[in-house]
């Protein structure tokens, strides 16, 4: 994270990336997590919701685990019924 931050305005880039994703996909909410090598954990670096106001986006640990396992993005209409997330 720190290497990217020294080169570009990372927060502005992530916010713009989420805006573009929301223009293209019918997502209700979304988050961008990046690995923090200093603290050895994922950090939420960007989030967006279609709900009015600044509603905090809750992140499913099951979805995060599946994305890390598959090394691919995940779009689901209903995570509770999605068989990929059993």
PDB file of N, CA and C in Angstrom:
ATOM      1  N   UNK A   1       0.829  -1.193   0.000  1.00  0.00           N
ATOM      2  CA  UNK A   1       0.000   0.000   0.000  1.00  0.00           C
ATOM      3  C   UNK A   1       0.870   1.253   0.000  1.00  0.00           C
ATOM      4  N   UNK A   2       1.895   1.275   0.830  1.00  0.00           N
ATOM      5  CA  UNK A   2       2.713   2.481   0.946  1.00  0.00           C
ATOM      6  C   UNK A   2       3.462   2.798  -0.346  1.00  0.00           C
ATOM      7  N   UNK A   3       3.887   1.776  -1.099  1.00  0.00           N
ATOM      8  CA  UNK A   3       4.584   2.020  -2.365  1.00  0.00           C
ATOM      9  C   UNK A   3       3.673   2.722  -3.362  1.00  0.00           C
ATOM     10  N   UNK A   4       2.413   2.259  -3.458  1.00  0.00           N
ATOM     11  CA  UNK A   4       1.465   2.897  -4.372  1.00  0.00           C
ATOM     12  C   UNK A   4       1.137   4.315  -3.924  1.00  0.00           C
ATOM     13  N   UNK A   5       0.972   4.512  -2.629  1.00  0.00           N
ATOM     14  CA  UNK A   5       0.596   5.826  -2.109  1.00  0.00           C
ATOM     15  C   UNK A   5       1.642   6.877  -2.398  1.00  0.00           C
ATOM     16  N   UNK A   6       2.907   6.474  -2.481  1.00  0.00           N
ATOM     17  CA  UNK A   6       3.952   7.460  -2.739  1.00  0.00           C
ATOM     18  C   UNK A   6       4.000   7.869  -4.212  1.00  0.00           C
ATOM     19  N   UNK A   7       3.390   7.064  -5.085  1.00  0.00           N
ATOM     20  CA  UNK A   7       3.426   7.351  -6.520  1.00  0.00           C
ATOM     21  C   UNK A   7       2.172   8.088  -6.981  1.00  0.00           C
ATOM     22  N   UNK A   8       1.021   7.678  -6.468  1.00  0.00           N
ATOM     23  CA  UNK A   8      -0.258   8.230  -6.910  1.00  0.00           C
ATOM     24  C   UNK A   8      -1.136   8.547  -5.702  1.00  0.00           C
ATOM     25  N   UNK A   9      -2.204   9.268  -5.947  1.00  0.00           N
ATOM     26  CA  UNK A   9      -3.203   9.496  -4.907  1.00  0.00           C
ATOM     27  C   UNK A   9      -4.089   8.255  -4.883  1.00  0.00           C
ATOM     28  N   UNK A  10      -3.700   7.295  -4.076  1.00  0.00           N
ATOM     29  CA  UNK A  10      -4.358   5.997  -4.057  1.00  0.00           C
ATOM     30  C   UNK A  10      -5.836   6.104  -3.713  1.00  0.00           C
ATOM     31  N   UNK A  11      -6.179   6.903  -2.733  1.00  0.00           N
ATOM     32  CA  UNK A  11      -7.581   7.025  -2.321  1.00  0.00           C
ATOM     33  C   UNK A  11      -8.448   7.579  -3.448  1.00  0.00           C
ATOM     34  N   UNK A  12      -7.955   8.574  -4.155  1.00  0.00           N
ATOM     35  CA  UNK A  12      -8.695   9.139  -5.284  1.00  0.00           C
ATOM     36  C   UNK A  12      -8.862   8.098  -6.385  1.00  0.00           C
ATOM     37  N   UNK A  13      -7.821   7.324  -6.643  1.00  0.00           N
ATOM     38  CA  UNK A  13      -7.884   6.283  -7.663  1.00  0.00           C
ATOM     39  C   UNK A  13      -8.920   5.220  -7.297  1.00  0.00           C
ATOM     40  N   UNK A  14      -8.920   4.771  -6.050  1.00  0.00           N
ATOM     41  CA  UNK A  14      -9.864   3.744  -5.617  1.00  0.00           C
ATOM     42  C   UNK A  14     -11.302   4.257  -5.650  1.00  0.00           C
ATOM     43  N   UNK A  15     -11.513   5.495  -5.252  1.00  0.00           N
ATOM     44  CA  UNK A  15     -12.855   6.086  -5.315  1.00  0.00           C
ATOM     45  C   UNK A  15     -13.346   6.172  -6.759  1.00  0.00           C
ATOM     46  N   UNK A  16     -12.466   6.546  -7.669  1.00  0.00           N
ATOM     47  CA  UNK A  16     -12.825   6.624  -9.085  1.00  0.00           C
ATOM     48  C   UNK A  16     -13.096   5.234  -9.651  1.00  0.00           C
ATOM     49  N   UNK A  17     -12.302   4.261  -9.243  1.00  0.00           N
ATOM     50  CA  UNK A  17     -12.507   2.878  -9.673  1.00  0.00           C
ATOM     51  C   UNK A  17     -13.877   2.359  -9.231  1.00  0.00           C
ATOM     52  N   UNK A  18     -14.250   2.616  -7.993  1.00  0.00           N
ATOM     53  CA  UNK A  18     -15.571   2.209  -7.510  1.00  0.00           C
ATOM     54  C   UNK A  18     -16.681   2.924  -8.280  1.00  0.00           C
ATOM     55  N   UNK A  19     -16.494   4.196  -8.585  1.00  0.00           N
ATOM     56  CA  UNK A  19     -17.509   4.936  -9.344  1.00  0.00           C
ATOM     57  C   UNK A  19     -17.705   4.308 -10.724  1.00  0.00           C
ATOM     58  N   UNK A  20     -16.626   3.938 -11.388  1.00  0.00           N
ATOM     59  CA  UNK A  20     -16.719   3.312 -12.707  1.00  0.00           C
ATOM     60  C   UNK A  20     -17.390   1.942 -12.599  1.00  0.00           C
ATOM     61  N   UNK A  21     -17.029   1.169 -11.596  1.00  0.00           N
ATOM     62  CA  UNK A  21     -17.637  -0.153 -11.394  1.00  0.00           C
ATOM     63  C   UNK A  21     -19.141  -0.013 -11.199  1.00  0.00           C
ATOM     64  N   UNK A  22     -19.548   0.973 -10.428  1.00  0.00           N
ATOM     65  CA  UNK A  22     -20.979   1.171 -10.165  1.00  0.00           C
ATOM     66  C   UNK A  22     -21.727   1.675 -11.392  1.00  0.00           C
ATOM     67  N   UNK A  23     -21.033   2.306 -12.334  1.00  0.00           N
ATOM     68  CA  UNK A  23     -21.671   2.698 -13.592  1.00  0.00           C
ATOM     69  C   UNK A  23     -21.935   1.479 -14.472  1.00  0.00           C
ATOM     70  N   UNK A  24     -21.070   0.476 -14.382  1.00  0.00           N
ATOM     71  CA  UNK A  24     -21.128  -0.679 -15.273  1.00  0.00           C
ATOM     72  C   UNK A  24     -21.918  -1.843 -14.676  1.00  0.00           C
ATOM     73  N   UNK A  25     -21.791  -2.066 -13.384  1.00  0.00           N
ATOM     74  CA  UNK A  25     -22.425  -3.214 -12.734  1.00  0.00           C
ATOM     75  C   UNK A  25     -23.613  -2.795 -11.876  1.00  0.00           C
ATOM     76  N   UNK A  26     -24.581  -3.686 -11.709  1.00  0.00           N
ATOM     77  CA  UNK A  26     -25.744  -3.366 -10.882  1.00  0.00           C
ATOM     78  C   UNK A  26     -25.500  -3.634  -9.396  1.00  0.00           C
ATOM     79  N   UNK A  27     -24.312  -3.363  -8.923  1.00  0.00           N
ATOM     80  CA  UNK A  27     -23.968  -3.648  -7.529  1.00  0.00           C
ATOM     81  C   UNK A  27     -24.724  -2.726  -6.577  1.00  0.00           C
ATOM     82  N   UNK A  28     -25.151  -3.287  -5.449  1.00  0.00           N
ATOM     83  CA  UNK A  28     -25.786  -2.519  -4.391  1.00  0.00           C
ATOM     84  C   UNK A  28     -24.730  -1.875  -3.501  1.00  0.00           C
ATOM     85  N   UNK A  29     -23.635  -2.605  -3.314  1.00  0.00           N
ATOM     86  CA  UNK A  29     -22.530  -2.093  -2.509  1.00  0.00           C
ATOM     87  C   UNK A  29     -21.244  -2.801  -2.935  1.00  0.00           C
ATOM     88  N   UNK A  30     -20.130  -2.193  -2.626  1.00  0.00           N
ATOM     89  CA  UNK A  30     -18.854  -2.787  -2.992  1.00  0.00           C
ATOM     90  C   UNK A  30     -17.730  -2.238  -2.144  1.00  0.00           C
ATOM     91  N   UNK A  31     -16.665  -3.008  -2.068  1.00  0.00           N
ATOM     92  CA  UNK A  31     -15.496  -2.628  -1.271  1.00  0.00           C
ATOM     93  C   UNK A  31     -14.229  -3.013  -2.007  1.00  0.00           C
ATOM     94  N   UNK A  32     -13.187  -2.258  -1.749  1.00  0.00           N
ATOM     95  CA  UNK A  32     -11.857  -2.606  -2.234  1.00  0.00           C
ATOM     96  C   UNK A  32     -10.983  -2.793  -1.009  1.00  0.00           C
ATOM     97  N   UNK A  33     -10.406  -3.975  -0.911  1.00  0.00           N
ATOM     98  CA  UNK A  33      -9.504  -4.295   0.186  1.00  0.00           C
ATOM     99  C   UNK A  33      -8.109  -4.488  -0.382  1.00  0.00           C
ATOM    100  N   UNK A  34      -7.128  -3.953   0.286  1.00  0.00           N
ATOM    101  CA  UNK A  34      -5.735  -4.131  -0.110  1.00  0.00           C
ATOM    102  C   UNK A  34      -4.964  -4.716   1.058  1.00  0.00           C
ATOM    103  N   UNK A  35      -3.940  -5.496   0.738  1.00  0.00           N
ATOM    104  CA  UNK A  35      -3.139  -6.125   1.778  1.00  0.00           C
ATOM    105  C   UNK A  35      -2.144  -5.127   2.336  1.00  0.00           C
ATOM    106  N   UNK A  36      -2.154  -4.970   3.647  1.00  0.00           N
ATOM    107  CA  UNK A  36      -1.233  -4.083   4.362  1.00  0.00           C
ATOM    108  C   UNK A  36      -0.066  -4.940   4.848  1.00  0.00           C
ATOM    109  N   UNK A  37       1.081  -4.810   4.183  1.00  0.00           N
ATOM    110  CA  UNK A  37       2.232  -5.646   4.526  1.00  0.00           C
ATOM    111  C   UNK A  37       2.801  -5.323   5.894  1.00  0.00           C
ATOM    112  N   UNK A  38       2.678  -4.099   6.349  1.00  0.00           N
ATOM    113  CA  UNK A  38       3.195  -3.722   7.657  1.00  0.00           C
ATOM    114  C   UNK A  38       2.425  -4.439   8.759  1.00  0.00           C
ATOM    115  N   UNK A  39       1.091  -4.405   8.686  1.00  0.00           N
ATOM    116  CA  UNK A  39       0.251  -5.023   9.715  1.00  0.00           C
ATOM    117  C   UNK A  39      -0.180  -6.448   9.370  1.00  0.00           C
ATOM    118  N   UNK A  40       0.205  -6.922   8.180  1.00  0.00           N
ATOM    119  CA  UNK A  40      -0.096  -8.292   7.741  1.00  0.00           C
ATOM    120  C   UNK A  40      -1.588  -8.604   7.779  1.00  0.00           C
ATOM    121  N   UNK A  41      -2.385  -7.702   7.189  1.00  0.00           N
ATOM    122  CA  UNK A  41      -3.826  -7.918   7.139  1.00  0.00           C
ATOM    123  C   UNK A  41      -4.423  -7.129   5.984  1.00  0.00           C
ATOM    124  N   UNK A  42      -5.647  -7.496   5.633  1.00  0.00           N
ATOM    125  CA  UNK A  42      -6.381  -6.750   4.618  1.00  0.00           C
ATOM    126  C   UNK A  42      -6.967  -5.494   5.243  1.00  0.00           C
ATOM    127  N   UNK A  43      -6.921  -4.407   4.498  1.00  0.00           N
ATOM    128  CA  UNK A  43      -7.521  -3.147   4.950  1.00  0.00           C
ATOM    129  C   UNK A  43      -8.540  -2.685   3.926  1.00  0.00           C
ATOM    130  N   UNK A  44      -9.678  -2.227   4.406  1.00  0.00           N
ATOM    131  CA  UNK A  44     -10.676  -1.644   3.518  1.00  0.00           C
ATOM    132  C   UNK A  44     -10.168  -0.274   3.100  1.00  0.00           C
ATOM    133  N   UNK A  45      -9.934  -0.121   1.807  1.00  0.00           N
ATOM    134  CA  UNK A  45      -9.379   1.128   1.296  1.00  0.00           C
ATOM    135  C   UNK A  45     -10.402   1.940   0.514  1.00  0.00           C
ATOM    136  N   UNK A  46     -11.495   1.300   0.151  1.00  0.00           N
ATOM    137  CA  UNK A  46     -12.554   2.005  -0.556  1.00  0.00           C
ATOM    138  C   UNK A  46     -13.847   1.246  -0.411  1.00  0.00           C
ATOM    139  N   UNK A  47     -14.936   1.982  -0.308  1.00  0.00           N
ATOM    140  CA  UNK A  47     -16.244   1.333  -0.252  1.00  0.00           C
ATOM    141  C   UNK A  47     -17.300   2.281  -0.794  1.00  0.00           C
ATOM    142  N   UNK A  48     -18.356   1.679  -1.314  1.00  0.00           N
ATOM    143  CA  UNK A  48     -19.425   2.478  -1.918  1.00  0.00           C
ATOM    144  C   UNK A  48     -20.732   1.721  -1.780  1.00  0.00           C
ATOM    145  N   UNK A  49     -21.801   2.477  -1.621  1.00  0.00           N
ATOM    146  CA  UNK A  49     -23.128   1.894  -1.510  1.00  0.00           C
ATOM    147  C   UNK A  49     -24.105   2.749  -2.300  1.00  0.00           C
ATOM    148  N   UNK A  50     -25.112   2.117  -2.862  1.00  0.00           N
ATOM    149  CA  UNK A  50     -26.155   2.874  -3.563  1.00  0.00           C
ATOM    150  C   UNK A  50     -27.167   3.453  -2.577  1.00  0.00           C
ATOM    151  N   UNK A  51     -27.113   3.030  -1.349  1.00  0.00           N
ATOM    152  CA  UNK A  51     -28.043   3.537  -0.338  1.00  0.00           C
ATOM    153  C   UNK A  51     -27.716   4.992  -0.040  1.00  0.00           C
ATOM    154  N   UNK A  52     -28.731   5.784   0.240  1.00  0.00           N
ATOM    155  CA  UNK A  52     -28.475   7.202   0.534  1.00  0.00           C
ATOM    156  C   UNK A  52     -27.647   7.375   1.805  1.00  0.00           C
ATOM    157  N   UNK A  53     -26.906   8.455   1.834  1.00  0.00           N
ATOM    158  CA  UNK A  53     -26.082   8.748   3.001  1.00  0.00           C
ATOM    159  C   UNK A  53     -24.778   7.974   2.951  1.00  0.00           C
ATOM    160  N   UNK A  54     -24.095   7.946   4.044  1.00  0.00           N
ATOM    161  CA  UNK A  54     -22.821   7.239   4.128  1.00  0.00           C
ATOM    162  C   UNK A  54     -22.974   5.921   4.866  1.00  0.00           C
ATOM    163  N   UNK A  55     -23.883   5.083   4.390  1.00  0.00           N
ATOM    164  CA  UNK A  55     -24.112   3.787   5.021  1.00  0.00           C
ATOM    165  C   UNK A  55     -22.831   2.965   4.949  1.00  0.00           C
ATOM    166  N   UNK A  56     -22.389   2.473   6.092  1.00  0.00           N
ATOM    167  CA  UNK A  56     -21.179   1.665   6.133  1.00  0.00           C
ATOM    168  C   UNK A  56     -21.431   0.330   5.432  1.00  0.00           C
ATOM    169  N   UNK A  57     -20.491  -0.062   4.615  1.00  0.00           N
ATOM    170  CA  UNK A  57     -20.594  -1.318   3.877  1.00  0.00           C
ATOM    171  C   UNK A  57     -20.043  -2.433   4.757  1.00  0.00           C
ATOM    172  N   UNK A  58     -20.887  -3.422   5.043  1.00  0.00           N
ATOM    173  CA  UNK A  58     -20.430  -4.581   5.813  1.00  0.00           C
ATOM    174  C   UNK A  58     -19.774  -5.560   4.849  1.00  0.00           C
ATOM    175  N   UNK A  59     -18.653  -6.109   5.260  1.00  0.00           N
ATOM    176  CA  UNK A  59     -17.899  -7.013   4.406  1.00  0.00           C
ATOM    177  C   UNK A  59     -18.030  -8.432   4.941  1.00  0.00           C
ATOM    178  N   UNK A  60     -18.476  -9.319   4.076  1.00  0.00           N
ATOM    179  CA  UNK A  60     -18.634 -10.726   4.431  1.00  0.00           C
ATOM    180  C   UNK A  60     -17.277 -11.425   4.424  1.00  0.00           C
ATOM    181  N   UNK A  61     -16.919 -12.037   5.541  1.00  0.00           N
ATOM    182  CA  UNK A  61     -15.663 -12.788   5.604  1.00  0.00           C
ATOM    183  C   UNK A  61     -15.705 -13.994   4.669  1.00  0.00           C
ATOM    184  N   UNK A  62     -16.884 -14.567   4.486  1.00  0.00           N
ATOM    185  CA  UNK A  62     -17.030 -15.702   3.573  1.00  0.00           C
ATOM    186  C   UNK A  62     -16.712 -15.277   2.145  1.00  0.00           C
ATOM    187  N   UNK A  63     -17.212 -14.121   1.739  1.00  0.00           N
ATOM    188  CA  UNK A  63     -16.933 -13.618   0.394  1.00  0.00           C
ATOM    189  C   UNK A  63     -15.451 -13.298   0.243  1.00  0.00           C
ATOM    190  N   UNK A  64     -14.859 -12.675   1.241  1.00  0.00           N
ATOM    191  CA  UNK A  64     -13.431 -12.359   1.181  1.00  0.00           C
ATOM    192  C   UNK A  64     -12.613 -13.637   1.040  1.00  0.00           C
ATOM    193  N   UNK A  65     -12.941 -14.659   1.826  1.00  0.00           N
ATOM    194  CA  UNK A  65     -12.215 -15.937   1.734  1.00  0.00           C
ATOM    195  C   UNK A  65     -12.344 -16.544   0.337  1.00  0.00           C
ATOM    196  N   UNK A  66     -13.538 -16.496  -0.245  1.00  0.00           N
ATOM    197  CA  UNK A  66     -13.752 -17.066  -1.571  1.00  0.00           C
ATOM    198  C   UNK A  66     -12.981 -16.289  -2.638  1.00  0.00           C
ATOM    199  N   UNK A  67     -12.969 -14.991  -2.538  1.00  0.00           N
ATOM    200  CA  UNK A  67     -12.221 -14.168  -3.496  1.00  0.00           C
ATOM    201  C   UNK A  67     -10.725 -14.455  -3.379  1.00  0.00           C
ATOM    202  N   UNK A  68     -10.230 -14.578  -2.156  1.00  0.00           N
ATOM    203  CA  UNK A  68      -8.815 -14.900  -1.973  1.00  0.00           C
ATOM    204  C   UNK A  68      -8.492 -16.300  -2.504  1.00  0.00           C
ATOM    205  N   UNK A  69      -9.389 -17.242  -2.275  1.00  0.00           N
ATOM    206  CA  UNK A  69      -9.184 -18.613  -2.738  1.00  0.00           C
ATOM    207  C   UNK A  69      -9.169 -18.684  -4.260  1.00  0.00           C
ATOM    208  N   UNK A  70     -10.166 -18.046  -4.888  1.00  0.00           N
ATOM    209  CA  UNK A  70     -10.319 -18.134  -6.340  1.00  0.00           C
ATOM    210  C   UNK A  70      -9.432 -17.147  -7.105  1.00  0.00           C
ATOM    211  N   UNK A  71      -8.975 -16.117  -6.394  1.00  0.00           N
ATOM    212  CA  UNK A  71      -8.181 -15.046  -7.015  1.00  0.00           C
ATOM    213  C   UNK A  71      -8.952 -14.376  -8.152  1.00  0.00           C
ATOM    214  N   UNK A  72     -10.265 -14.200  -7.913  1.00  0.00           N
ATOM    215  CA  UNK A  72     -11.139 -13.593  -8.913  1.00  0.00           C
ATOM    216  C   UNK A  72     -12.189 -12.760  -8.191  1.00  0.00           C
ATOM    217  N   UNK A  73     -12.742 -11.785  -8.885  1.00  0.00           N
ATOM    218  CA  UNK A  73     -13.799 -10.968  -8.285  1.00  0.00           C
ATOM    219  C   UNK A  73     -15.069 -11.801  -8.143  1.00  0.00           C
ATOM    220  N   UNK A  74     -15.996 -11.306  -7.351  1.00  0.00           N
ATOM    221  CA  UNK A  74     -17.231 -12.045  -7.108  1.00  0.00           C
ATOM    222  C   UNK A  74     -18.399 -11.075  -7.126  1.00  0.00           C
ATOM    223  N   UNK A  75     -19.370 -11.350  -7.973  1.00  0.00           N
ATOM    224  CA  UNK A  75     -20.599 -10.577  -8.040  1.00  0.00           C
ATOM    225  C   UNK A  75     -21.730 -11.551  -7.781  1.00  0.00           C
ATOM    226  N   UNK A  76     -22.544 -11.263  -6.792  1.00  0.00           N
ATOM    227  CA  UNK A  76     -23.644 -12.149  -6.455  1.00  0.00           C
ATOM    228  C   UNK A  76     -24.888 -11.333  -6.163  1.00  0.00           C
ATOM    229  N   UNK A  77     -26.029 -11.834  -6.595  1.00  0.00           N
ATOM    230  CA  UNK A  77     -27.293 -11.146  -6.344  1.00  0.00           C
ATOM    231  C   UNK A  77     -27.753 -11.369  -4.910  1.00  0.00           C
ATOM    232  N   UNK A  78     -27.438 -12.541  -4.352  1.00  0.00           N
ATOM    233  CA  UNK A  78     -27.854 -12.868  -2.990  1.00  0.00           C
ATOM    234  C   UNK A  78     -26.818 -13.814  -2.392  1.00  0.00           C
ATOM    235  N   UNK A  79     -25.935 -13.280  -1.586  1.00  0.00           N
ATOM    236  CA  UNK A  79     -24.832 -14.078  -1.010  1.00  0.00           C
ATOM    237  C   UNK A  79     -25.355 -15.233  -0.160  1.00  0.00           C
ATOM    238  N   UNK A  80     -26.498 -15.060   0.483  1.00  0.00           N
ATOM    239  CA  UNK A  80     -27.027 -16.125   1.333  1.00  0.00           C
ATOM    240  C   UNK A  80     -27.469 -17.338   0.521  1.00  0.00           C
ATOM    241  N   UNK A  81     -27.815 -17.130  -0.744  1.00  0.00           N
ATOM    242  CA  UNK A  81     -28.295 -18.230  -1.592  1.00  0.00           C
ATOM    243  C   UNK A  81     -27.291 -18.656  -2.650  1.00  0.00           C
ATOM    244  N   UNK A  82     -26.162 -18.009  -2.695  1.00  0.00           N
ATOM    245  CA  UNK A  82     -25.145 -18.299  -3.696  1.00  0.00           C
ATOM    246  C   UNK A  82     -24.399 -19.573  -3.314  1.00  0.00           C
ATOM    247  N   UNK A  83     -24.478 -20.601  -4.157  1.00  0.00           N
ATOM    248  CA  UNK A  83     -23.848 -21.890  -3.867  1.00  0.00           C
ATOM    249  C   UNK A  83     -22.336 -21.822  -3.787  1.00  0.00           C
ATOM    250  N   UNK A  84     -21.736 -20.828  -4.393  1.00  0.00           N
ATOM    251  CA  UNK A  84     -20.284 -20.672  -4.290  1.00  0.00           C
ATOM    252  C   UNK A  84     -19.845 -20.320  -2.880  1.00  0.00           C
ATOM    253  N   UNK A  85     -20.793 -19.877  -2.068  1.00  0.00           N
ATOM    254  CA  UNK A  85     -20.460 -19.388  -0.728  1.00  0.00           C
ATOM    255  C   UNK A  85     -21.003 -20.268   0.381  1.00  0.00           C
ATOM    256  N   UNK A  86     -21.223 -21.549   0.102  1.00  0.00           N
ATOM    257  CA  UNK A  86     -21.733 -22.482   1.127  1.00  0.00           C
ATOM    258  C   UNK A  86     -20.809 -22.537   2.315  1.00  0.00           C
TER     259      UNK A  86
END
